[in-house]
Amino acid sequence: RNGTLADELRIIRRTLNALRIPWALSGSMATKLHANSLGISPHRIPNDIDIVVRPQNADLVMMTLAGIGYTSNSPPPVRFRHVKLRHGRFSIDILAAGGNLAPNITKNDVVVINKTPVVKIRHLIARKNSSMRNFMTNAERNVAQGNLNFLRRLRSHI
């Protein structure tokens, strides 16, 4: 496939929605969709797709995404929290809701934007706040602060 990351998200959305299990988009692609819906230019271009699922659905999601070409070079984790899948130049981070690497997502924490379930801005901001404490370098801290400032600007528009 030679499309954009947004084109790839459409394929993934159709594939996951066919499963009829809960999932939500998170991370920079979620931020981009929120920004687009508010008419704000994102401050950086997303380079991957972050998806939050329930741990009990993780195997089904990974098998389904394998059906459209997504694979992992690493063995599955013993206790599922995070898996990176790749297909050509695209990558997906699958996060288990409630795990250490993902916010605890409930149905009320998700909004639908362009037919895509997306983690709400307030949850994205809370995640950035908790992540910033764990960053080690000034460069990473500056990127996180830029993301956080952008998310706050987004929130002020809704």
N, C-alpha and C. Protein backbone atom coordinates (compact mmCIF):
# COMPACT_ATOMS: atom_id res chain seq x y z
N ARG A 1 0.85 -1.19 0.00
CA ARG A 1 0.00 0.00 0.00
C ARG A 1 0.88 1.24 0.00
N ASN A 2 0.50 2.22 -0.79
CA ASN A 2 1.32 3.42 -0.93
C ASN A 2 0.64 4.69 -0.45
N GLY A 3 -0.43 4.56 0.34
CA GLY A 3 -1.17 5.74 0.79
C GLY A 3 -0.49 6.44 1.95
N THR A 4 -1.21 7.37 2.53
CA THR A 4 -0.72 8.12 3.68
C THR A 4 -1.07 7.37 4.97
N LEU A 5 -0.60 7.89 6.08
CA LEU A 5 -0.94 7.32 7.38
C LEU A 5 -2.44 7.41 7.63
N ALA A 6 -3.06 8.50 7.18
CA ALA A 6 -4.52 8.65 7.31
C ALA A 6 -5.25 7.59 6.48
N ASP A 7 -4.75 7.28 5.28
CA ASP A 7 -5.34 6.21 4.46
C ASP A 7 -5.22 4.87 5.17
N GLU A 8 -4.07 4.65 5.78
CA GLU A 8 -3.84 3.40 6.50
C GLU A 8 -4.78 3.30 7.70
N LEU A 9 -4.99 4.43 8.37
CA LEU A 9 -5.92 4.43 9.51
C LEU A 9 -7.33 4.03 9.06
N ARG A 10 -7.75 4.48 7.88
CA ARG A 10 -9.07 4.11 7.36
C ARG A 10 -9.18 2.59 7.18
N ILE A 11 -8.13 1.97 6.66
CA ILE A 11 -8.12 0.52 6.46
C ILE A 11 -8.18 -0.19 7.81
N ILE A 12 -7.38 0.28 8.75
CA ILE A 12 -7.34 -0.31 10.09
C ILE A 12 -8.69 -0.13 10.78
N ARG A 13 -9.28 1.06 10.64
CA ARG A 13 -10.58 1.31 11.27
C ARG A 13 -11.65 0.34 10.75
N ARG A 14 -11.71 0.18 9.43
CA ARG A 14 -12.68 -0.75 8.86
C ARG A 14 -12.45 -2.18 9.37
N THR A 15 -11.18 -2.57 9.43
CA THR A 15 -10.83 -3.92 9.88
C THR A 15 -11.21 -4.13 11.34
N LEU A 16 -10.87 -3.17 12.21
CA LEU A 16 -11.17 -3.33 13.63
C LEU A 16 -12.66 -3.19 13.92
N ASN A 17 -13.34 -2.29 13.22
CA ASN A 17 -14.78 -2.13 13.45
C ASN A 17 -15.55 -3.39 13.06
N ALA A 18 -15.04 -4.14 12.09
CA ALA A 18 -15.69 -5.39 11.69
C ALA A 18 -15.66 -6.42 12.82
N LEU A 19 -14.69 -6.29 13.74
CA LEU A 19 -14.60 -7.21 14.89
C LEU A 19 -15.70 -6.97 15.92
N ARG A 20 -16.22 -5.75 15.94
CA ARG A 20 -17.24 -5.35 16.92
C ARG A 20 -16.76 -5.51 18.36
N ILE A 21 -15.48 -5.15 18.60
CA ILE A 21 -14.96 -5.11 19.97
C ILE A 21 -14.49 -3.68 20.25
N PRO A 22 -14.45 -3.29 21.52
CA PRO A 22 -14.03 -1.92 21.85
C PRO A 22 -12.56 -1.67 21.51
N TRP A 23 -12.28 -0.53 20.92
CA TRP A 23 -10.92 -0.08 20.68
C TRP A 23 -10.98 1.43 20.55
N ALA A 24 -9.83 2.09 20.69
CA ALA A 24 -9.79 3.54 20.52
C ALA A 24 -8.42 3.95 20.01
N LEU A 25 -8.41 5.01 19.23
CA LEU A 25 -7.18 5.61 18.74
C LEU A 25 -6.65 6.53 19.82
N SER A 26 -5.33 6.53 20.03
CA SER A 26 -4.70 7.39 21.02
C SER A 26 -3.47 8.03 20.39
N GLY A 27 -2.65 8.68 21.19
CA GLY A 27 -1.38 9.21 20.70
C GLY A 27 -1.50 10.37 19.73
N SER A 28 -0.46 10.51 18.89
CA SER A 28 -0.37 11.69 18.02
C SER A 28 -1.44 11.69 16.92
N MET A 29 -1.86 10.51 16.47
CA MET A 29 -2.91 10.47 15.44
C MET A 29 -4.25 10.92 16.03
N ALA A 30 -4.51 10.55 17.29
CA ALA A 30 -5.72 11.02 17.96
C ALA A 30 -5.68 12.53 18.11
N THR A 31 -4.52 13.04 18.49
CA THR A 31 -4.35 14.49 18.63
C THR A 31 -4.61 15.19 17.31
N LYS A 32 -4.11 14.61 16.21
CA LYS A 32 -4.32 15.19 14.88
C LYS A 32 -5.80 15.23 14.52
N LEU A 33 -6.55 14.15 14.82
CA LEU A 33 -7.98 14.14 14.51
C LEU A 33 -8.73 15.18 15.33
N HIS A 34 -8.38 15.31 16.63
CA HIS A 34 -8.99 16.35 17.45
C HIS A 34 -8.70 17.73 16.85
N ALA A 35 -7.45 17.97 16.48
CA ALA A 35 -7.06 19.27 15.91
C ALA A 35 -7.82 19.54 14.62
N ASN A 36 -7.87 18.53 13.74
CA ASN A 36 -8.59 18.70 12.47
C ASN A 36 -10.05 19.05 12.71
N SER A 37 -10.67 18.37 13.69
CA SER A 37 -12.10 18.62 13.94
C SER A 37 -12.34 20.02 14.50
N LEU A 38 -11.30 20.63 15.08
CA LEU A 38 -11.42 21.98 15.63
C LEU A 38 -10.84 23.04 14.71
N GLY A 39 -10.31 22.63 13.56
CA GLY A 39 -9.74 23.57 12.61
C GLY A 39 -8.38 24.12 13.02
N ILE A 40 -7.64 23.35 13.82
CA ILE A 40 -6.32 23.78 14.29
C ILE A 40 -5.26 22.93 13.60
N SER A 41 -4.20 23.56 13.14
CA SER A 41 -3.11 22.81 12.52
C SER A 41 -2.31 22.08 13.59
N PRO A 42 -2.05 20.78 13.40
CA PRO A 42 -1.23 20.08 14.40
C PRO A 42 0.20 20.60 14.38
N HIS A 43 0.87 20.53 15.53
CA HIS A 43 2.22 21.06 15.61
C HIS A 43 3.27 20.07 15.13
N ARG A 44 2.89 18.80 14.95
CA ARG A 44 3.81 17.83 14.36
C ARG A 44 2.99 16.76 13.65
N ILE A 45 3.62 16.12 12.68
CA ILE A 45 2.94 15.10 11.88
C ILE A 45 3.10 13.74 12.57
N PRO A 46 2.00 13.01 12.75
CA PRO A 46 2.12 11.68 13.36
C PRO A 46 2.96 10.74 12.50
N ASN A 47 3.69 9.83 13.16
CA ASN A 47 4.50 8.87 12.41
C ASN A 47 4.08 7.42 12.67
N ASP A 48 3.07 7.23 13.54
CA ASP A 48 2.54 5.89 13.76
C ASP A 48 1.10 5.99 14.25
N ILE A 49 0.50 4.85 14.47
CA ILE A 49 -0.88 4.78 14.95
C ILE A 49 -0.87 4.06 16.29
N ASP A 50 -1.44 4.69 17.31
CA ASP A 50 -1.52 4.09 18.64
C ASP A 50 -2.96 3.67 18.88
N ILE A 51 -3.15 2.39 19.20
CA ILE A 51 -4.48 1.84 19.42
C ILE A 51 -4.55 1.25 20.82
N VAL A 52 -5.62 1.59 21.54
CA VAL A 52 -5.85 1.06 22.87
C VAL A 52 -6.94 -0.01 22.77
N VAL A 53 -6.66 -1.19 23.33
CA VAL A 53 -7.63 -2.28 23.36
C VAL A 53 -7.68 -2.86 24.77
N ARG A 54 -8.69 -3.65 25.04
CA ARG A 54 -8.75 -4.37 26.31
C ARG A 54 -7.79 -5.57 26.23
N PRO A 55 -7.10 -5.89 27.32
CA PRO A 55 -6.14 -7.00 27.28
C PRO A 55 -6.74 -8.31 26.77
N GLN A 56 -7.99 -8.61 27.12
CA GLN A 56 -8.60 -9.86 26.69
C GLN A 56 -8.86 -9.90 25.19
N ASN A 57 -8.81 -8.75 24.51
CA ASN A 57 -9.04 -8.70 23.06
C ASN A 57 -7.75 -8.58 22.25
N ALA A 58 -6.62 -8.51 22.93
CA ALA A 58 -5.35 -8.22 22.26
C ALA A 58 -4.99 -9.26 21.21
N ASP A 59 -5.11 -10.55 21.55
CA ASP A 59 -4.75 -11.59 20.58
C ASP A 59 -5.62 -11.52 19.33
N LEU A 60 -6.92 -11.32 19.50
CA LEU A 60 -7.83 -11.22 18.37
C LEU A 60 -7.47 -10.01 17.49
N VAL A 61 -7.17 -8.87 18.11
CA VAL A 61 -6.78 -7.67 17.36
C VAL A 61 -5.50 -7.92 16.58
N MET A 62 -4.49 -8.52 17.22
CA MET A 62 -3.21 -8.77 16.53
C MET A 62 -3.38 -9.76 15.38
N MET A 63 -4.20 -10.81 15.57
CA MET A 63 -4.45 -11.76 14.47
C MET A 63 -5.18 -11.08 13.32
N THR A 64 -6.14 -10.22 13.65
CA THR A 64 -6.90 -9.52 12.61
C THR A 64 -6.00 -8.57 11.83
N LEU A 65 -5.14 -7.84 12.53
CA LEU A 65 -4.22 -6.93 11.85
C LEU A 65 -3.17 -7.69 11.04
N ALA A 66 -2.81 -8.89 11.49
CA ALA A 66 -1.89 -9.73 10.70
C ALA A 66 -2.53 -10.08 9.36
N GLY A 67 -3.86 -10.19 9.34
CA GLY A 67 -4.58 -10.49 8.11
C GLY A 67 -4.47 -9.39 7.06
N ILE A 68 -4.13 -8.16 7.47
CA ILE A 68 -3.93 -7.07 6.51
C ILE A 68 -2.46 -6.69 6.42
N GLY A 69 -1.58 -7.60 6.91
CA GLY A 69 -0.15 -7.42 6.68
C GLY A 69 0.69 -6.95 7.85
N TYR A 70 0.12 -6.73 9.01
CA TYR A 70 0.89 -6.22 10.15
C TYR A 70 1.50 -7.36 10.95
N THR A 71 2.82 -7.30 11.15
CA THR A 71 3.54 -8.33 11.89
C THR A 71 4.46 -7.68 12.90
N SER A 72 4.97 -8.50 13.82
CA SER A 72 5.90 -8.03 14.84
C SER A 72 7.17 -8.85 14.75
N ASN A 73 8.33 -8.19 14.96
CA ASN A 73 9.61 -8.88 14.96
C ASN A 73 9.93 -9.47 16.33
N SER A 74 9.20 -9.03 17.35
CA SER A 74 9.50 -9.50 18.70
C SER A 74 8.45 -10.51 19.14
N PRO A 75 8.84 -11.40 20.05
CA PRO A 75 7.86 -12.38 20.54
C PRO A 75 6.77 -11.69 21.35
N PRO A 76 5.58 -12.28 21.43
CA PRO A 76 4.52 -11.65 22.22
C PRO A 76 4.93 -11.58 23.69
N PRO A 77 4.59 -10.48 24.36
CA PRO A 77 4.96 -10.35 25.76
C PRO A 77 4.22 -11.37 26.62
N VAL A 78 4.87 -11.76 27.72
CA VAL A 78 4.24 -12.71 28.62
C VAL A 78 2.98 -12.11 29.22
N ARG A 79 3.09 -10.88 29.70
CA ARG A 79 1.90 -10.15 30.17
C ARG A 79 1.70 -8.98 29.22
N PHE A 80 0.62 -8.99 28.48
CA PHE A 80 0.40 -8.00 27.43
C PHE A 80 0.25 -6.59 27.99
N ARG A 81 1.06 -5.68 27.47
CA ARG A 81 0.90 -4.25 27.74
C ARG A 81 1.14 -3.43 26.48
N HIS A 82 2.11 -3.84 25.68
CA HIS A 82 2.46 -3.06 24.50
C HIS A 82 3.09 -3.96 23.44
N VAL A 83 2.61 -3.85 22.21
CA VAL A 83 3.18 -4.57 21.08
C VAL A 83 3.27 -3.60 19.91
N LYS A 84 4.40 -3.60 19.21
CA LYS A 84 4.56 -2.78 18.00
C LYS A 84 4.45 -3.71 16.79
N LEU A 85 3.52 -3.37 15.88
CA LEU A 85 3.34 -4.11 14.64
C LEU A 85 3.77 -3.23 13.47
N ARG A 86 4.31 -3.86 12.42
CA ARG A 86 4.76 -3.10 11.25
C ARG A 86 4.20 -3.72 9.97
N HIS A 87 3.98 -2.81 9.01
CA HIS A 87 3.61 -3.22 7.66
C HIS A 87 4.24 -2.20 6.73
N GLY A 88 5.32 -2.58 6.06
CA GLY A 88 6.03 -1.63 5.20
C GLY A 88 6.53 -0.45 6.02
N ARG A 89 6.17 0.75 5.61
CA ARG A 89 6.63 1.95 6.32
C ARG A 89 5.70 2.36 7.46
N PHE A 90 4.61 1.62 7.68
CA PHE A 90 3.65 1.97 8.72
C PHE A 90 3.87 1.12 9.96
N SER A 91 3.57 1.71 11.13
CA SER A 91 3.64 0.94 12.36
C SER A 91 2.45 1.28 13.25
N ILE A 92 2.08 0.28 14.05
CA ILE A 92 0.97 0.43 15.00
C ILE A 92 1.49 0.03 16.37
N ASP A 93 1.23 0.84 17.38
CA ASP A 93 1.46 0.47 18.76
C ASP A 93 0.12 0.04 19.34
N ILE A 94 0.04 -1.19 19.81
CA ILE A 94 -1.18 -1.67 20.45
C ILE A 94 -0.92 -1.64 21.96
N LEU A 95 -1.78 -0.93 22.68
CA LEU A 95 -1.64 -0.75 24.12
C LEU A 95 -2.82 -1.40 24.82
N ALA A 96 -2.55 -2.09 25.92
CA ALA A 96 -3.61 -2.71 26.70
C ALA A 96 -4.14 -1.69 27.70
N ALA A 97 -5.42 -1.36 27.62
CA ALA A 97 -6.02 -0.40 28.56
C ALA A 97 -5.89 -0.95 29.96
N GLY A 98 -5.53 -0.07 30.89
CA GLY A 98 -5.36 -0.47 32.27
C GLY A 98 -3.94 -0.91 32.58
N GLY A 99 -3.11 -1.14 31.55
CA GLY A 99 -1.72 -1.49 31.78
C GLY A 99 -0.90 -0.25 32.10
N ASN A 100 0.35 -0.43 32.41
CA ASN A 100 1.22 0.70 32.78
C ASN A 100 1.45 1.65 31.61
N LEU A 101 1.34 1.15 30.39
CA LEU A 101 1.68 1.98 29.23
C LEU A 101 0.47 2.63 28.58
N ALA A 102 -0.71 2.45 29.15
CA ALA A 102 -1.90 3.04 28.54
C ALA A 102 -2.83 3.57 29.61
N PRO A 103 -3.55 4.65 29.30
CA PRO A 103 -4.54 5.12 30.26
C PRO A 103 -5.67 4.10 30.40
N ASN A 104 -6.34 4.13 31.51
CA ASN A 104 -7.44 3.20 31.75
C ASN A 104 -8.68 3.75 31.02
N ILE A 105 -8.93 3.24 29.83
CA ILE A 105 -9.96 3.78 28.95
C ILE A 105 -11.31 3.11 29.23
N THR A 106 -12.34 3.92 29.38
CA THR A 106 -13.71 3.40 29.45
C THR A 106 -14.48 4.00 28.28
N LYS A 107 -15.69 3.51 28.08
CA LYS A 107 -16.52 4.01 26.97
C LYS A 107 -16.72 5.52 27.05
N ASN A 108 -16.80 6.05 28.27
CA ASN A 108 -17.01 7.49 28.44
C ASN A 108 -15.78 8.33 28.11
N ASP A 109 -14.62 7.69 27.97
CA ASP A 109 -13.38 8.40 27.66
C ASP A 109 -13.09 8.45 26.17
N VAL A 110 -14.07 8.04 25.36
CA VAL A 110 -13.86 7.95 23.90
C VAL A 110 -14.93 8.77 23.19
N VAL A 111 -14.50 9.48 22.16
CA VAL A 111 -15.42 10.23 21.30
C VAL A 111 -15.20 9.75 19.87
N VAL A 112 -16.22 9.82 19.03
CA VAL A 112 -16.08 9.39 17.63
C VAL A 112 -15.81 10.62 16.77
N ILE A 113 -14.71 10.58 16.04
CA ILE A 113 -14.34 11.65 15.10
C ILE A 113 -14.13 10.99 13.74
N ASN A 114 -14.86 11.44 12.73
CA ASN A 114 -14.75 10.86 11.38
C ASN A 114 -14.87 9.34 11.42
N LYS A 115 -15.86 8.84 12.15
CA LYS A 115 -16.16 7.41 12.25
C LYS A 115 -15.07 6.62 12.98
N THR A 116 -14.15 7.30 13.63
CA THR A 116 -13.06 6.63 14.35
C THR A 116 -13.21 6.87 15.84
N PRO A 117 -13.22 5.81 16.67
CA PRO A 117 -13.25 6.03 18.12
C PRO A 117 -11.90 6.58 18.58
N VAL A 118 -11.92 7.71 19.27
CA VAL A 118 -10.70 8.43 19.63
C VAL A 118 -10.74 8.76 21.12
N VAL A 119 -9.61 8.55 21.80
CA VAL A 119 -9.50 8.90 23.21
C VAL A 119 -9.70 10.41 23.34
N LYS A 120 -10.50 10.82 24.33
CA LYS A 120 -10.81 12.25 24.51
C LYS A 120 -9.56 13.05 24.89
N ILE A 121 -9.61 14.33 24.57
CA ILE A 121 -8.47 15.22 24.80
C ILE A 121 -8.03 15.20 26.26
N ARG A 122 -8.98 15.23 27.21
CA ARG A 122 -8.57 15.29 28.63
C ARG A 122 -7.76 14.07 29.02
N HIS A 123 -8.05 12.90 28.42
CA HIS A 123 -7.27 11.71 28.71
C HIS A 123 -5.88 11.79 28.09
N LEU A 124 -5.81 12.36 26.89
CA LEU A 124 -4.50 12.54 26.24
C LEU A 124 -3.63 13.47 27.07
N ILE A 125 -4.23 14.53 27.59
CA ILE A 125 -3.48 15.49 28.40
C ILE A 125 -3.00 14.82 29.69
N ALA A 126 -3.85 14.05 30.34
CA ALA A 126 -3.45 13.35 31.56
C ALA A 126 -2.30 12.40 31.28
N ARG A 127 -2.33 11.74 30.14
CA ARG A 127 -1.25 10.81 29.77
C ARG A 127 0.06 11.56 29.56
N LYS A 128 0.00 12.72 28.89
CA LYS A 128 1.21 13.51 28.69
C LYS A 128 1.78 13.98 30.03
N ASN A 129 0.91 14.39 30.95
CA ASN A 129 1.38 14.83 32.27
C ASN A 129 2.13 13.71 32.97
N SER A 130 1.59 12.49 32.95
CA SER A 130 2.25 11.40 33.65
C SER A 130 3.52 10.96 32.93
N SER A 131 3.56 11.07 31.60
CA SER A 131 4.74 10.67 30.84
C SER A 131 5.91 11.62 31.07
N MET A 132 5.61 12.90 31.22
CA MET A 132 6.69 13.88 31.33
C MET A 132 7.58 13.62 32.54
N ARG A 133 7.02 13.11 33.63
CA ARG A 133 7.83 12.87 34.82
C ARG A 133 8.88 11.80 34.57
N ASN A 134 8.63 10.92 33.60
CA ASN A 134 9.53 9.79 33.36
C ASN A 134 10.57 10.05 32.27
N PHE A 135 10.49 11.19 31.58
CA PHE A 135 11.46 11.47 30.52
C PHE A 135 12.84 11.76 31.11
N MET A 136 13.86 11.31 30.40
CA MET A 136 15.22 11.41 30.92
C MET A 136 16.01 12.58 30.36
N THR A 137 15.82 12.93 29.10
CA THR A 137 16.67 13.96 28.49
C THR A 137 15.89 15.25 28.32
N ASN A 138 16.65 16.35 28.20
CA ASN A 138 16.02 17.65 27.98
C ASN A 138 15.28 17.68 26.65
N ALA A 139 15.84 17.03 25.62
CA ALA A 139 15.19 17.02 24.31
C ALA A 139 13.82 16.35 24.42
N GLU A 140 13.77 15.20 25.08
CA GLU A 140 12.49 14.51 25.24
C GLU A 140 11.53 15.34 26.09
N ARG A 141 12.05 16.00 27.11
CA ARG A 141 11.20 16.83 27.96
C ARG A 141 10.62 18.00 27.15
N ASN A 142 11.43 18.59 26.27
CA ASN A 142 10.95 19.70 25.44
C ASN A 142 9.88 19.24 24.47
N VAL A 143 10.05 18.06 23.87
CA VAL A 143 9.04 17.53 22.96
C VAL A 143 7.74 17.29 23.73
N ALA A 144 7.85 16.67 24.90
CA ALA A 144 6.66 16.40 25.70
C ALA A 144 5.97 17.69 26.10
N GLN A 145 6.74 18.70 26.48
CA GLN A 145 6.14 19.98 26.87
C GLN A 145 5.44 20.63 25.68
N GLY A 146 6.05 20.54 24.49
CA GLY A 146 5.40 21.06 23.29
C GLY A 146 4.09 20.35 23.02
N ASN A 147 4.08 19.01 23.16
CA ASN A 147 2.84 18.25 22.99
C ASN A 147 1.79 18.69 24.00
N LEU A 148 2.21 18.85 25.24
CA LEU A 148 1.29 19.23 26.30
C LEU A 148 0.70 20.61 26.05
N ASN A 149 1.55 21.57 25.65
CA ASN A 149 1.06 22.92 25.36
C ASN A 149 0.06 22.90 24.21
N PHE A 150 0.35 22.09 23.19
CA PHE A 150 -0.56 21.97 22.06
C PHE A 150 -1.90 21.39 22.50
N LEU A 151 -1.86 20.32 23.32
CA LEU A 151 -3.10 19.72 23.80
C LEU A 151 -3.92 20.70 24.64
N ARG A 152 -3.24 21.50 25.45
CA ARG A 152 -3.96 22.51 26.24
C ARG A 152 -4.63 23.53 25.33
N ARG A 153 -3.95 23.92 24.25
CA ARG A 153 -4.54 24.85 23.29
C ARG A 153 -5.77 24.23 22.63
N LEU A 154 -5.67 22.92 22.32
CA LEU A 154 -6.81 22.21 21.76
C LEU A 154 -7.99 22.24 22.73
N ARG A 155 -7.70 21.92 23.99
CA ARG A 155 -8.77 21.84 24.97
C ARG A 155 -9.46 23.19 25.15
N SER A 156 -8.73 24.28 25.01
CA SER A 156 -9.34 25.61 25.20
C SER A 156 -10.34 25.93 24.09
N HIS A 157 -10.31 25.19 22.99
CA HIS A 157 -11.22 25.43 21.87
C HIS A 157 -12.52 24.64 21.97
N ILE A 158 -12.61 23.75 22.97
CA ILE A 158 -13.86 22.95 23.05
C ILE A 158 -14.62 23.27 24.31
